[in-house]
Amino acid sequence: MDTVQAIIQQQIEAGTFLQSVQQGQQVQQEQTNYGEEDEYEDEEGTYKGKRSNTLPIWGNQVTMNLNTLVLENIRESYYYKNNLVEIDSFQTLVEQIFYQVKHLEPWEKGTRRLQGMTGMCGGVRGVGAGGVVSSAYCLLYRLFNLRISRKQLISMLNSRQSVYIRGIGFMYIRYTQPPADLWYWLEPYLDDDSEIDPRSGGGDLMTFGQMVRTMINKLDWYGTLFPRIPVPIQKEIDERFAERKKKQLREEDEWQGESSEKPAEDGEGIGKVLPKVSKCKHHLRHHHCRKHRKNCPAKAKRLHAEKEKNKRERMDDK
């Protein structure tokens, strides 16, 4: 009997052989999945399986569902042909966004003239009818041709370097991801109060939550159009918005109900409206994190209760 057979025989006698085999299979499975898939969870925080790190592409696999006029101007632009086409690194493209992008419109300010163009003329004359296409759309199309991964896209959505890195990440989702996945991607950011100004030249400051709502509910985006969402999916999204609003109203009622049950001391607390329970900053930046998926509202509620308790104790001591 050789050494291996002797070890197996000892494990069989000790009753640990099957356990060793199962552990080996588990390690092998984890090594196979490493770097290819990441775990995800639904709204209740329960695991449903694994999502591939390779993002699907919905719609036209070549044009990225862009308007023909915008696409032709991108392909003919000096910046795209002489700078971006040669870049094959995701990190380098992100650096280009940081330095080059100052808005999220398809055209640079004041470069597209529509006077004298009636009806559909402005959309069928090709490159000559357009203007100077923005660096944001050139980089967006280059990211599409690079076929970025799921983890890379999530890193853009949670970037702290530039609000426009995040903005282009949301635009990438809206143009390329299946309509059925839009809620999965965008819902965690509906309460994001970080601000961005997508307009060329400024003057349209909004929160990321407002921008995400616009992307879901409207097709128009500063003179161009997002891909149309099928009617059944749009109805489902509207229903989820309604359910979300009802849930927020219930949370506000619970807070107000608890505040009314507490006795007012020396007139304090009368007419005081408690703050709305919302997701914490960490949750908004890392909405895929299981640790903070459901604990944020409960934690905020607990901290507020402790603060009120300490306040009452200090008043009693006085």
Protein backbone atom coordinates (compact mmCIF):
# COMPACT_ATOMS: atom_id res chain seq x y z
CA MET A 1 0.00 0.00 0.00
CA ASP A 2 1.49 3.38 -1.06
CA THR A 3 1.35 6.63 0.94
CA VAL A 4 -1.80 8.02 -0.74
CA GLN A 5 -3.78 4.84 -0.22
CA ALA A 6 -2.66 4.73 3.42
CA ILE A 7 -3.92 8.28 4.01
CA ILE A 8 -7.26 7.50 2.33
CA GLN A 9 -7.63 4.36 4.45
CA GLN A 10 -6.97 6.36 7.63
CA GLN A 11 -9.59 8.97 6.61
CA ILE A 12 -12.17 6.25 5.87
CA GLU A 13 -11.58 4.68 9.28
CA ALA A 14 -11.83 8.07 10.98
CA GLY A 15 -14.98 8.97 9.00
CA THR A 16 -13.49 12.17 7.49
CA PHE A 17 -12.89 10.98 3.93
CA LEU A 18 -16.23 12.20 2.51
CA GLN A 19 -15.80 15.56 4.24
CA SER A 20 -12.37 16.03 2.63
CA VAL A 21 -13.78 15.23 -0.80
CA GLN A 22 -16.59 17.78 -0.39
CA GLN A 23 -14.16 20.48 0.75
CA GLY A 24 -11.96 19.80 -2.26
CA GLN A 25 -14.93 20.11 -4.63
CA GLN A 26 -15.96 23.37 -2.99
CA VAL A 27 -12.48 24.87 -3.35
CA GLN A 28 -12.33 23.79 -6.98
CA GLN A 29 -15.74 25.38 -7.68
CA GLU A 30 -14.68 28.65 -6.04
CA GLN A 31 -11.50 28.75 -8.09
CA THR A 32 -13.50 28.18 -11.26
CA ASN A 33 -15.89 31.04 -10.50
CA TYR A 34 -13.25 33.48 -9.26
CA GLY A 35 -13.01 36.57 -11.43
CA GLU A 36 -15.86 35.51 -13.68
CA GLU A 37 -18.97 35.99 -11.54
CA ASP A 38 -20.00 37.95 -8.49
CA GLU A 39 -22.85 37.35 -6.09
CA TYR A 40 -25.90 39.60 -6.00
CA GLU A 41 -29.00 39.88 -3.91
CA ASP A 42 -32.57 41.03 -4.31
CA GLU A 43 -34.41 43.73 -2.38
CA GLU A 44 -34.96 41.42 0.59
CA GLY A 45 -31.24 40.71 0.84
CA THR A 46 -31.52 37.06 -0.16
CA TYR A 47 -29.22 35.49 -2.71
CA LYS A 48 -30.75 34.47 -6.01
CA GLY A 49 -27.63 33.10 -7.69
CA LYS A 50 -24.75 34.70 -9.54
CA ARG A 51 -24.50 37.37 -12.21
CA SER A 52 -21.84 37.07 -14.86
CA ASN A 53 -19.13 39.72 -14.87
CA THR A 54 -19.71 40.03 -18.64
CA LEU A 55 -22.41 42.61 -19.29
CA PRO A 56 -25.14 41.86 -21.84
CA ILE A 57 -25.67 44.34 -24.68
CA TRP A 58 -29.28 45.13 -25.52
CA GLY A 59 -30.39 46.36 -28.92
CA ASN A 60 -27.99 47.19 -31.74
CA GLN A 61 -24.61 45.58 -31.14
CA VAL A 62 -22.79 48.13 -33.35
CA THR A 63 -24.46 51.52 -32.89
CA MET A 64 -25.10 51.29 -29.12
CA ASN A 65 -28.66 52.45 -29.93
CA LEU A 66 -27.35 55.97 -30.59
CA ASN A 67 -29.02 58.45 -32.91
CA THR A 68 -27.55 58.15 -36.43
CA LEU A 69 -26.51 61.80 -36.54
CA VAL A 70 -24.73 61.60 -33.18
CA LEU A 71 -23.02 58.33 -34.12
CA GLU A 72 -21.70 59.66 -37.43
CA ASN A 73 -20.31 62.75 -35.74
CA ILE A 74 -18.58 60.57 -33.13
CA ARG A 75 -16.92 58.41 -35.77
CA GLU A 76 -15.78 61.46 -37.75
CA SER A 77 -14.61 63.53 -34.78
CA TYR A 78 -10.91 64.32 -34.49
CA TYR A 79 -10.87 63.46 -30.78
CA TYR A 80 -12.33 60.00 -31.33
CA LYS A 81 -10.30 59.05 -34.44
CA ASN A 82 -6.94 60.36 -33.24
CA ASN A 83 -7.08 59.82 -29.50
CA LEU A 84 -9.69 57.37 -28.27
CA VAL A 85 -9.50 54.63 -30.92
CA GLU A 86 -5.97 53.78 -29.83
CA ILE A 87 -6.92 53.46 -26.13
CA ASP A 88 -7.60 49.89 -25.03
CA SER A 89 -7.39 50.41 -21.27
CA PHE A 90 -10.45 51.02 -19.12
CA GLN A 91 -8.46 52.99 -16.55
CA THR A 92 -7.06 55.29 -19.24
CA LEU A 93 -10.57 56.01 -20.52
CA VAL A 94 -11.69 56.85 -16.98
CA GLU A 95 -8.79 59.28 -16.72
CA GLN A 96 -9.90 60.85 -20.01
CA ILE A 97 -13.37 61.35 -18.55
CA PHE A 98 -11.85 63.02 -15.50
CA TYR A 99 -9.87 65.53 -17.57
CA GLN A 100 -12.05 66.04 -20.67
CA VAL A 101 -15.73 65.78 -19.68
CA LYS A 102 -17.49 68.85 -18.29
CA HIS A 103 -21.10 68.04 -19.23
CA LEU A 104 -23.25 65.14 -20.52
CA GLU A 105 -24.95 66.69 -23.56
CA PRO A 106 -24.35 65.14 -27.02
CA TRP A 107 -23.20 68.47 -28.53
CA GLU A 108 -20.78 71.12 -27.40
CA LYS A 109 -22.46 74.40 -26.53
CA GLY A 110 -23.25 76.64 -29.50
CA THR A 111 -21.91 74.30 -32.20
CA ARG A 112 -25.17 72.98 -33.64
CA ARG A 113 -27.41 75.29 -35.63
CA LEU A 114 -31.00 74.27 -36.24
CA GLN A 115 -32.24 77.48 -37.88
CA GLY A 116 -33.68 76.83 -41.31
CA MET A 117 -34.08 73.10 -40.68
CA THR A 118 -37.72 72.07 -40.60
CA GLY A 119 -39.39 68.74 -39.94
CA MET A 120 -36.95 65.84 -40.00
CA CYS A 121 -34.28 67.64 -42.04
CA GLY A 122 -31.98 68.09 -39.08
CA GLY A 123 -31.85 64.36 -38.50
CA VAL A 124 -31.16 63.13 -42.02
CA ARG A 125 -28.48 65.44 -43.40
CA GLY A 126 -25.65 63.48 -41.90
CA VAL A 127 -22.51 64.96 -40.39
CA GLY A 128 -22.96 68.37 -41.96
CA ALA A 129 -26.23 68.96 -40.09
CA GLY A 130 -24.65 68.22 -36.74
CA GLY A 131 -22.23 70.17 -34.61
CA VAL A 132 -19.17 69.37 -32.56
CA VAL A 133 -19.98 66.16 -30.74
CA SER A 134 -19.13 66.20 -27.05
CA SER A 135 -16.21 64.36 -25.48
CA ALA A 136 -18.73 62.66 -23.15
CA TYR A 137 -20.43 60.86 -26.03
CA CYS A 138 -17.12 60.01 -27.70
CA LEU A 139 -15.90 58.36 -24.49
CA LEU A 140 -19.26 56.67 -23.95
CA TYR A 141 -19.06 55.06 -27.39
CA ARG A 142 -15.44 54.03 -26.82
CA LEU A 143 -16.39 52.33 -23.56
CA PHE A 144 -19.10 50.49 -25.48
CA ASN A 145 -16.60 49.23 -28.07
CA LEU A 146 -14.25 48.19 -25.27
CA ARG A 147 -17.09 46.10 -23.76
CA ILE A 148 -16.45 46.97 -20.13
CA SER A 149 -17.28 44.43 -17.43
CA ARG A 150 -19.89 44.56 -14.69
CA LYS A 151 -17.32 45.32 -11.99
CA GLN A 152 -15.84 48.13 -14.06
CA LEU A 153 -19.27 49.67 -14.57
CA ILE A 154 -20.03 49.47 -10.85
CA SER A 155 -16.71 51.18 -10.12
CA MET A 156 -17.82 54.06 -12.36
CA LEU A 157 -21.20 54.38 -10.63
CA ASN A 158 -19.49 54.60 -7.23
CA SER A 159 -16.55 56.79 -8.30
CA ARG A 160 -15.47 59.66 -6.06
CA GLN A 161 -13.09 61.20 -8.59
CA SER A 162 -15.65 63.00 -10.76
CA VAL A 163 -19.43 63.27 -10.94
CA TYR A 164 -19.15 62.90 -14.72
CA ILE A 165 -17.53 59.48 -14.38
CA ARG A 166 -20.66 58.45 -12.50
CA GLY A 167 -22.91 60.22 -15.01
CA ILE A 168 -21.41 58.41 -18.01
CA GLY A 169 -21.81 55.15 -16.09
CA PHE A 170 -25.55 55.79 -15.77
CA MET A 171 -25.77 56.74 -19.45
CA TYR A 172 -23.98 53.51 -20.39
CA ILE A 173 -26.63 51.57 -18.47
CA ARG A 174 -29.48 53.46 -20.13
CA TYR A 175 -28.14 52.94 -23.66
CA THR A 176 -26.87 49.35 -23.46
CA GLN A 177 -28.54 47.35 -20.69
CA PRO A 178 -31.77 45.35 -21.14
CA PRO A 179 -34.84 47.37 -20.08
CA ALA A 180 -35.80 44.61 -17.64
CA ASP A 181 -32.52 45.26 -15.74
CA LEU A 182 -32.87 49.04 -15.48
CA TRP A 183 -34.61 48.94 -12.10
CA TYR A 184 -31.94 46.63 -10.68
CA TRP A 185 -29.25 49.09 -11.75
CA LEU A 186 -30.86 52.45 -11.02
CA GLU A 187 -33.22 51.96 -8.05
CA PRO A 188 -30.45 52.07 -5.38
CA TYR A 189 -29.54 55.59 -6.53
CA LEU A 190 -33.01 57.17 -6.46
CA ASP A 191 -32.24 58.77 -3.07
CA ASP A 192 -28.71 59.88 -3.97
CA ASP A 193 -28.52 63.60 -3.14
CA SER A 194 -25.08 64.20 -4.67
CA GLU A 195 -25.35 66.94 -7.30
CA ILE A 196 -24.39 67.09 -10.98
CA ASP A 197 -24.97 69.60 -13.80
CA PRO A 198 -25.37 67.68 -17.12
CA ARG A 199 -26.04 70.79 -19.25
CA SER A 200 -23.37 72.22 -21.51
CA GLY A 201 -22.45 75.57 -20.02
CA GLY A 202 -24.24 74.80 -16.75
CA GLY A 203 -27.59 75.96 -15.46
CA ASP A 204 -29.35 72.63 -14.88
CA LEU A 205 -28.10 71.49 -11.47
CA MET A 206 -29.82 68.34 -10.17
CA THR A 207 -29.21 65.44 -7.81
CA PHE A 208 -28.25 62.02 -9.09
CA GLY A 209 -31.61 60.78 -7.83
CA GLN A 210 -33.39 63.29 -10.07
CA MET A 211 -31.18 62.42 -13.02
CA VAL A 212 -31.85 58.69 -12.59
CA ARG A 213 -35.61 59.33 -12.48
CA THR A 214 -35.34 61.35 -15.68
CA MET A 215 -33.48 58.53 -17.40
CA ILE A 216 -36.14 56.01 -16.39
CA ASN A 217 -39.25 58.07 -17.08
CA LYS A 218 -38.28 60.17 -20.12
CA LEU A 219 -36.80 59.41 -23.53
CA ASP A 220 -35.46 62.88 -24.35
CA TRP A 221 -31.92 63.70 -23.23
CA TYR A 222 -30.74 67.17 -24.26
CA GLY A 223 -31.75 66.93 -27.90
CA THR A 224 -31.23 63.20 -28.42
CA LEU A 225 -33.23 60.13 -27.39
CA PHE A 226 -32.61 57.18 -25.13
CA PRO A 227 -33.73 53.73 -26.35
CA ARG A 228 -37.47 53.21 -25.91
CA ILE A 229 -38.51 51.02 -22.99
CA PRO A 230 -41.16 48.41 -23.91
CA VAL A 231 -44.62 49.28 -22.58
CA PRO A 232 -45.00 46.22 -20.26
CA ILE A 233 -41.63 46.92 -18.62
CA GLN A 234 -42.43 50.64 -18.28
CA LYS A 235 -45.70 49.74 -16.54
CA GLU A 236 -43.81 47.46 -14.17
CA ILE A 237 -41.35 50.26 -13.39
CA ASP A 238 -44.23 52.66 -12.71
CA GLU A 239 -45.76 50.12 -10.31
CA ARG A 240 -42.45 49.80 -8.47
CA PHE A 241 -42.26 53.57 -8.16
CA ALA A 242 -45.74 53.56 -6.64
CA GLU A 243 -44.84 50.77 -4.20
CA ARG A 244 -41.68 52.61 -3.24
CA LYS A 245 -43.60 55.79 -2.52
CA LYS A 246 -46.11 53.90 -0.35
CA LYS A 247 -43.25 52.33 1.60
CA GLN A 248 -41.70 55.74 2.24
CA LEU A 249 -45.05 57.11 3.43
CA ARG A 250 -45.43 54.17 5.84
CA GLU A 251 -41.96 54.83 7.26
CA GLU A 252 -42.80 58.50 7.78
CA ASP A 253 -46.06 57.56 9.52
CA GLU A 254 -44.20 55.17 11.82
CA TRP A 255 -41.74 57.89 12.79
CA GLN A 256 -44.49 60.41 13.43
CA GLY A 257 -46.49 57.82 15.39
CA GLU A 258 -43.56 57.08 17.68
CA SER A 259 -42.87 60.78 18.22
CA SER A 260 -46.50 61.44 19.22
CA GLU A 261 -46.39 58.62 21.80
CA LYS A 262 -43.41 60.19 23.61
CA PRO A 263 -44.45 62.78 26.24
CA ALA A 264 -43.34 66.32 25.48
CA GLU A 265 -41.13 67.92 28.12
CA ASP A 266 -41.42 71.66 28.74
CA GLY A 267 -43.10 72.14 25.38
CA GLU A 268 -40.20 70.65 23.46
CA GLY A 269 -40.93 68.41 20.55
CA ILE A 270 -44.33 69.95 19.80
CA GLY A 271 -44.80 70.24 16.06
CA LYS A 272 -41.38 68.74 15.45
CA VAL A 273 -41.16 66.55 12.35
CA LEU A 274 -38.64 63.75 12.57
CA PRO A 275 -36.23 63.32 9.67
CA LYS A 276 -37.08 60.83 6.98
CA VAL A 277 -35.26 57.50 7.18
CA SER A 278 -33.06 57.22 4.13
CA LYS A 279 -30.13 55.17 2.98
CA CYS A 280 -26.78 56.21 4.37
CA LYS A 281 -23.95 57.57 2.20
CA HIS A 282 -22.12 54.26 2.37
CA HIS A 283 -25.23 52.44 1.15
CA LEU A 284 -25.62 54.79 -1.81
CA ARG A 285 -22.00 54.31 -2.87
CA HIS A 286 -22.00 50.53 -2.40
CA HIS A 287 -25.55 49.36 -3.05
CA HIS A 288 -24.31 45.86 -3.86
CA CYS A 289 -22.85 45.49 -0.36
CA ARG A 290 -24.79 42.86 1.59
CA LYS A 291 -23.73 44.26 4.96
CA HIS A 292 -25.61 47.53 4.53
CA ARG A 293 -28.48 46.25 2.39
CA LYS A 294 -31.18 46.39 5.07
CA ASN A 295 -29.45 47.78 8.14
CA CYS A 296 -29.32 51.46 7.19
CA PRO A 297 -32.90 52.50 8.13
CA ALA A 298 -32.85 50.40 11.31
CA LYS A 299 -29.48 51.82 12.31
CA ALA A 300 -30.62 55.41 11.74
CA LYS A 301 -33.75 54.78 13.77
CA ARG A 302 -31.76 53.25 16.65
CA LEU A 303 -29.25 56.09 16.71
CA HIS A 304 -32.04 58.67 16.78
CA ALA A 305 -33.71 56.87 19.70
CA GLU A 306 -30.42 56.77 21.62
CA LYS A 307 -29.87 60.47 20.95
CA GLU A 308 -33.32 61.34 22.29
CA LYS A 309 -32.74 59.17 25.37
CA ASN A 310 -29.44 60.85 26.16
CA LYS A 311 -31.06 64.25 25.71
CA ARG A 312 -33.81 63.40 28.21
CA GLU A 313 -31.24 62.08 30.72
CA ARG A 314 -29.26 65.31 30.50
CA MET A 315 -32.40 67.33 31.11
CA ASP A 316 -33.28 65.17 34.15
CA ASP A 317 -29.82 65.74 35.61
CA LYS A 318 -30.32 69.48 35.38
